[in-house]
């Protein structure tokens, strides 16, 4: 109970901070997006320059989504639930991570099972889950390595690796992200979802990625599990109910 109380207090503090950050960051971000749109209307601009301006606008929107996702710690999202295509959302996340590889050389292999149903939720938040897991997997690798993604549907009544909370009349969608990186020490496994906890060097991580992932998964009535051993890589498994309403309006 003491541990849960401490965690609740930390999340409350993060919520206050996130609300302030959203206000301070969104103001200049709005200006960046507005002036990018104005530049994009210049008919004398070459195609290459237009592509750069479009990328600025796209990434500014991405930052806005990240800032807004932090607000899950202070209040539930008020955005309306929509039909989320898992394959399309995952492929966008994979494209983004491949684009931002830096000097690392690694492979991403993604397999989809048969008859993968859609989800009901907020597309940007589902994509945020995938992105954070993929970025963590990428950062866990050395100069090379591999990330393996699998998406499959467990029909009603089928055995599942973890106990799913609540009823799942349409089964459960499992999204697994595995890497062959250095793994996570057992002493750190209980802390990985704590806000601001990170084993990355300064400037390489905020310690918010997995905290945001868990909260967004829970907001979509799902759960997350992890398996890891030092030297043997890490596997994150996200379980989400297909076609069910989420906590994002109804």
Protein backbone atom coordinates (compact mmCIF):
# COMPACT_ATOMS: atom_id res chain seq x y z
CA UNK A 1 0.00 0.00 0.00
CA UNK A 2 2.88 2.34 0.80
CA UNK A 3 4.44 1.62 -2.58
CA UNK A 4 1.13 2.27 -4.38
CA UNK A 5 0.65 5.52 -2.47
CA UNK A 6 4.14 6.67 -3.45
CA UNK A 7 3.43 5.81 -7.09
CA UNK A 8 0.15 7.73 -6.96
CA UNK A 9 1.90 10.79 -5.55
CA UNK A 10 4.53 10.65 -8.29
CA UNK A 11 1.87 10.42 -10.99
CA UNK A 12 0.00 13.36 -9.47
CA UNK A 13 3.19 15.45 -9.50
CA UNK A 14 3.85 14.42 -13.09
CA UNK A 15 0.31 15.43 -14.04
CA UNK A 16 0.82 18.94 -12.67
CA UNK A 17 4.15 19.22 -14.48
CA UNK A 18 2.72 17.84 -17.74
CA UNK A 19 -0.13 20.36 -17.72
CA UNK A 20 2.39 23.21 -17.34
CA UNK A 21 4.65 21.76 -20.03
CA UNK A 22 1.76 21.44 -22.47
CA UNK A 23 0.96 25.13 -22.09
CA UNK A 24 4.57 26.33 -22.38
CA UNK A 25 5.51 24.08 -25.31
CA UNK A 26 2.29 24.27 -27.32
CA UNK A 27 2.47 28.07 -27.67
CA UNK A 28 5.77 28.19 -29.62
CA UNK A 29 4.85 24.92 -31.32
CA UNK A 30 1.69 26.52 -32.69
CA UNK A 31 3.81 29.31 -34.18
CA UNK A 32 6.16 26.79 -35.81
CA UNK A 33 3.25 24.94 -37.39
CA UNK A 34 1.53 28.14 -38.52
CA UNK A 35 4.63 29.63 -40.17
CA UNK A 36 5.43 26.26 -41.76
CA UNK A 37 2.01 26.29 -43.40
CA UNK A 38 2.59 29.86 -44.61
CA UNK A 39 5.97 28.89 -46.10
CA UNK A 40 4.36 25.90 -47.79
CA UNK A 41 1.98 28.24 -49.64
CA UNK A 42 4.91 29.94 -51.43
CA UNK A 43 4.40 29.00 -55.09
CA UNK A 44 8.00 29.87 -55.98
CA UNK A 45 9.41 27.28 -53.57
CA UNK A 46 11.10 24.25 -55.12
CA UNK A 47 9.91 20.71 -54.52
CA UNK A 48 12.85 19.88 -52.25
CA UNK A 49 12.20 22.93 -50.06
CA UNK A 50 8.50 22.11 -49.93
CA UNK A 51 9.39 18.64 -48.74
CA UNK A 52 11.54 20.10 -45.94
CA UNK A 53 8.75 22.47 -44.87
CA UNK A 54 6.27 19.60 -44.90
CA UNK A 55 8.61 17.55 -42.73
CA UNK A 56 8.92 20.43 -40.24
CA UNK A 57 5.15 20.66 -40.03
CA UNK A 58 4.78 16.90 -39.66
CA UNK A 59 7.38 16.64 -36.88
CA UNK A 60 5.92 19.67 -35.08
CA UNK A 61 2.60 17.86 -35.07
CA UNK A 62 4.36 14.79 -33.74
CA UNK A 63 5.81 16.82 -30.86
CA UNK A 64 2.34 18.16 -30.11
CA UNK A 65 1.03 14.60 -29.90
CA UNK A 66 3.84 13.60 -27.54
CA UNK A 67 3.17 16.58 -25.27
CA UNK A 68 -0.53 15.84 -25.27
CA UNK A 69 0.09 12.19 -24.46
CA UNK A 70 1.77 13.28 -21.23
CA UNK A 71 -1.56 14.66 -20.11
CA UNK A 72 -2.83 11.11 -19.57
CA UNK A 73 -1.15 11.41 -16.18
CA UNK A 74 -3.29 14.39 -15.19
CA UNK A 75 -6.64 13.58 -16.76
CA UNK A 76 -8.24 11.06 -19.15
CA UNK A 77 -8.13 11.95 -22.82
CA UNK A 78 -11.27 13.60 -24.14
CA UNK A 79 -10.61 12.65 -27.74
CA UNK A 80 -13.31 10.59 -29.42
CA UNK A 81 -12.70 6.89 -29.97
CA UNK A 82 -12.32 5.79 -33.59
CA UNK A 83 -11.62 2.64 -35.57
CA UNK A 84 -7.88 1.92 -35.41
CA UNK A 85 -6.25 -0.18 -38.13
CA UNK A 86 -3.42 -1.98 -36.30
CA UNK A 87 -1.40 -2.84 -39.41
CA UNK A 88 -1.50 0.71 -40.79
CA UNK A 89 -0.68 2.24 -37.40
CA UNK A 90 2.22 -0.17 -36.80
CA UNK A 91 3.67 0.39 -40.27
CA UNK A 92 3.71 4.16 -39.69
CA UNK A 93 5.54 3.63 -36.40
CA UNK A 94 8.07 1.33 -38.08
CA UNK A 95 8.67 3.87 -40.87
CA UNK A 96 9.32 6.61 -38.33
CA UNK A 97 11.80 4.50 -36.34
CA UNK A 98 13.65 3.44 -39.49
CA UNK A 99 13.86 7.07 -40.57
CA UNK A 100 15.36 8.06 -37.21
CA UNK A 101 17.95 5.26 -37.03
CA UNK A 102 21.05 7.45 -36.69
CA UNK A 103 24.14 5.35 -37.30
CA UNK A 104 22.72 2.11 -36.00
CA UNK A 105 22.15 -0.70 -38.45
CA UNK A 106 19.39 -3.05 -37.44
CA UNK A 107 16.55 -5.01 -38.96
CA UNK A 108 12.85 -4.89 -38.17
CA UNK A 109 10.77 -7.92 -38.99
CA UNK A 110 7.00 -7.71 -38.55
CA UNK A 111 4.53 -10.56 -38.95
CA UNK A 112 0.75 -10.38 -38.81
CA UNK A 113 -1.53 -13.25 -37.99
CA UNK A 114 -4.72 -14.04 -39.83
CA UNK A 115 -7.89 -12.04 -39.29
CA UNK A 116 -6.42 -9.26 -37.15
CA UNK A 117 -9.40 -7.17 -36.00
CA UNK A 118 -9.44 -3.40 -35.65
CA UNK A 119 -9.33 -1.63 -32.31
CA UNK A 120 -11.56 1.08 -30.93
CA UNK A 121 -9.48 3.91 -29.51
CA UNK A 122 -7.39 6.94 -30.39
CA UNK A 123 -5.07 6.27 -33.34
CA UNK A 124 -2.34 8.69 -32.23
CA UNK A 125 -2.25 7.10 -28.78
CA UNK A 126 -2.08 3.56 -30.14
CA UNK A 127 0.74 4.71 -32.42
CA UNK A 128 2.45 6.29 -29.39
CA UNK A 129 2.42 2.87 -27.70
CA UNK A 130 4.05 1.24 -30.73
CA UNK A 131 6.58 4.03 -31.18
CA UNK A 132 7.79 3.99 -27.60
CA UNK A 133 8.21 0.23 -27.60
CA UNK A 134 10.09 0.30 -30.92
CA UNK A 135 12.34 3.17 -29.83
CA UNK A 136 13.17 1.36 -26.58
CA UNK A 137 13.96 -1.80 -28.54
CA UNK A 138 16.18 0.15 -30.94
CA UNK A 139 18.04 1.85 -28.09
CA UNK A 140 18.65 -1.53 -26.41
CA UNK A 141 20.59 -2.76 -29.45
CA UNK A 142 24.29 -2.29 -30.04
CA UNK A 143 25.44 -1.06 -33.46
CA UNK A 144 23.40 -3.78 -35.11
CA UNK A 145 20.77 -6.28 -34.09
CA UNK A 146 17.15 -7.12 -34.80
CA UNK A 147 13.67 -6.19 -33.65
CA UNK A 148 10.89 -8.72 -34.11
CA UNK A 149 7.26 -7.67 -34.06
CA UNK A 150 4.29 -10.00 -34.13
CA UNK A 151 0.60 -9.14 -34.12
CA UNK A 152 -1.98 -11.84 -33.61
CA UNK A 153 -5.52 -12.36 -32.43
CA UNK A 154 -6.36 -14.73 -29.59
CA UNK A 155 -10.00 -15.75 -30.14
CA UNK A 156 -12.43 -16.02 -27.21
CA UNK A 157 -11.53 -18.90 -24.93
CA UNK A 158 -8.00 -19.31 -26.27
CA UNK A 159 -5.13 -19.62 -23.80
CA UNK A 160 -3.08 -16.44 -23.32
CA UNK A 161 0.37 -15.88 -21.78
CA UNK A 162 -1.01 -13.39 -19.25
CA UNK A 163 -4.30 -12.99 -17.40
CA UNK A 164 -6.29 -10.32 -19.20
CA UNK A 165 -8.23 -7.91 -16.97
CA UNK A 166 -11.98 -7.82 -17.43
CA UNK A 167 -14.14 -9.53 -20.00
CA UNK A 168 -12.93 -10.06 -23.57
CA UNK A 169 -15.93 -11.36 -25.56
CA UNK A 170 -14.12 -10.80 -28.89
CA UNK A 171 -10.82 -12.24 -27.77
CA UNK A 172 -7.60 -10.29 -27.35
CA UNK A 173 -5.10 -8.75 -29.78
CA UNK A 174 -1.48 -9.38 -28.79
CA UNK A 175 1.26 -7.05 -30.02
CA UNK A 176 4.73 -8.39 -29.22
CA UNK A 177 7.93 -6.35 -29.63
CA UNK A 178 11.16 -8.31 -29.05
CA UNK A 179 14.80 -7.26 -29.34
CA UNK A 180 18.09 -9.12 -29.01
CA UNK A 181 19.72 -6.35 -27.01
CA UNK A 182 21.43 -6.40 -23.64
CA UNK A 183 18.29 -7.17 -21.63
CA UNK A 184 17.02 -5.66 -18.38
CA UNK A 185 18.47 -6.62 -14.97
CA UNK A 186 15.94 -8.20 -12.61
CA UNK A 187 16.40 -5.36 -10.11
CA UNK A 188 15.18 -2.85 -12.73
CA UNK A 189 12.14 -4.78 -14.01
CA UNK A 190 9.90 -3.54 -11.19
CA UNK A 191 10.86 0.07 -11.87
CA UNK A 192 10.71 0.33 -15.65
CA UNK A 193 7.19 1.81 -15.63
CA UNK A 194 8.03 4.42 -13.00
CA UNK A 195 8.03 7.98 -14.38
CA UNK A 196 11.58 9.34 -14.84
CA UNK A 197 13.24 5.99 -14.18
CA UNK A 198 15.79 5.27 -16.89
CA UNK A 199 19.02 3.36 -17.29
CA UNK A 200 20.00 5.38 -20.33
CA UNK A 201 22.84 7.92 -20.07
CA UNK A 202 22.01 11.63 -19.60
CA UNK A 203 20.49 13.17 -22.70
CA UNK A 204 19.46 9.77 -24.10
CA UNK A 205 16.20 9.17 -22.28
CA UNK A 206 13.59 10.90 -20.13
CA UNK A 207 12.28 7.85 -18.31
CA UNK A 208 8.75 8.64 -19.52
CA UNK A 209 8.39 6.27 -22.48
CA UNK A 210 7.24 3.11 -20.70
CA UNK A 211 5.27 5.08 -18.11
CA UNK A 212 3.30 6.65 -20.96
CA UNK A 213 2.93 3.27 -22.68
CA UNK A 214 1.40 1.61 -19.63
CA UNK A 215 -1.03 4.44 -18.98
CA UNK A 216 -2.16 4.52 -22.63
CA UNK A 217 -2.56 0.73 -22.66
CA UNK A 218 -4.67 0.89 -19.50
CA UNK A 219 -6.73 3.74 -21.01
CA UNK A 220 -7.62 1.32 -23.82
CA UNK A 221 -8.61 -1.42 -21.33
CA UNK A 222 -5.47 -3.41 -22.04
CA UNK A 223 -2.47 -4.72 -20.16
CA UNK A 224 1.26 -5.04 -20.77
CA UNK A 225 3.79 -7.70 -19.81
CA UNK A 226 7.58 -7.91 -20.09
CA UNK A 227 10.13 -10.73 -20.15
CA UNK A 228 13.83 -10.03 -20.04
CA UNK A 229 17.18 -11.43 -18.95
CA UNK A 230 20.57 -9.76 -19.18
CA UNK A 231 22.27 -10.83 -22.39
CA UNK A 232 19.11 -12.44 -23.79
CA UNK A 233 17.10 -9.45 -24.98
CA UNK A 234 13.66 -8.19 -24.00
CA UNK A 235 10.08 -8.94 -25.06
CA UNK A 236 7.18 -6.57 -24.41
CA UNK A 237 3.67 -7.89 -24.98
CA UNK A 238 0.68 -5.58 -25.19
CA UNK A 239 -2.83 -7.03 -25.00
CA UNK A 240 -5.79 -4.97 -26.21
CA UNK A 241 -9.46 -5.88 -26.65
CA UNK A 242 -10.62 -5.60 -30.27
CA UNK A 243 -13.60 -3.50 -31.20
CA UNK A 244 -14.30 -2.40 -27.64
CA UNK A 245 -14.93 1.16 -26.51
CA UNK A 246 -11.99 2.84 -24.81
CA UNK A 247 -11.98 5.49 -22.10
CA UNK A 248 -11.69 8.29 -24.65
CA UNK A 249 -15.26 9.39 -24.89
CA UNK A 250 -18.20 7.42 -26.12
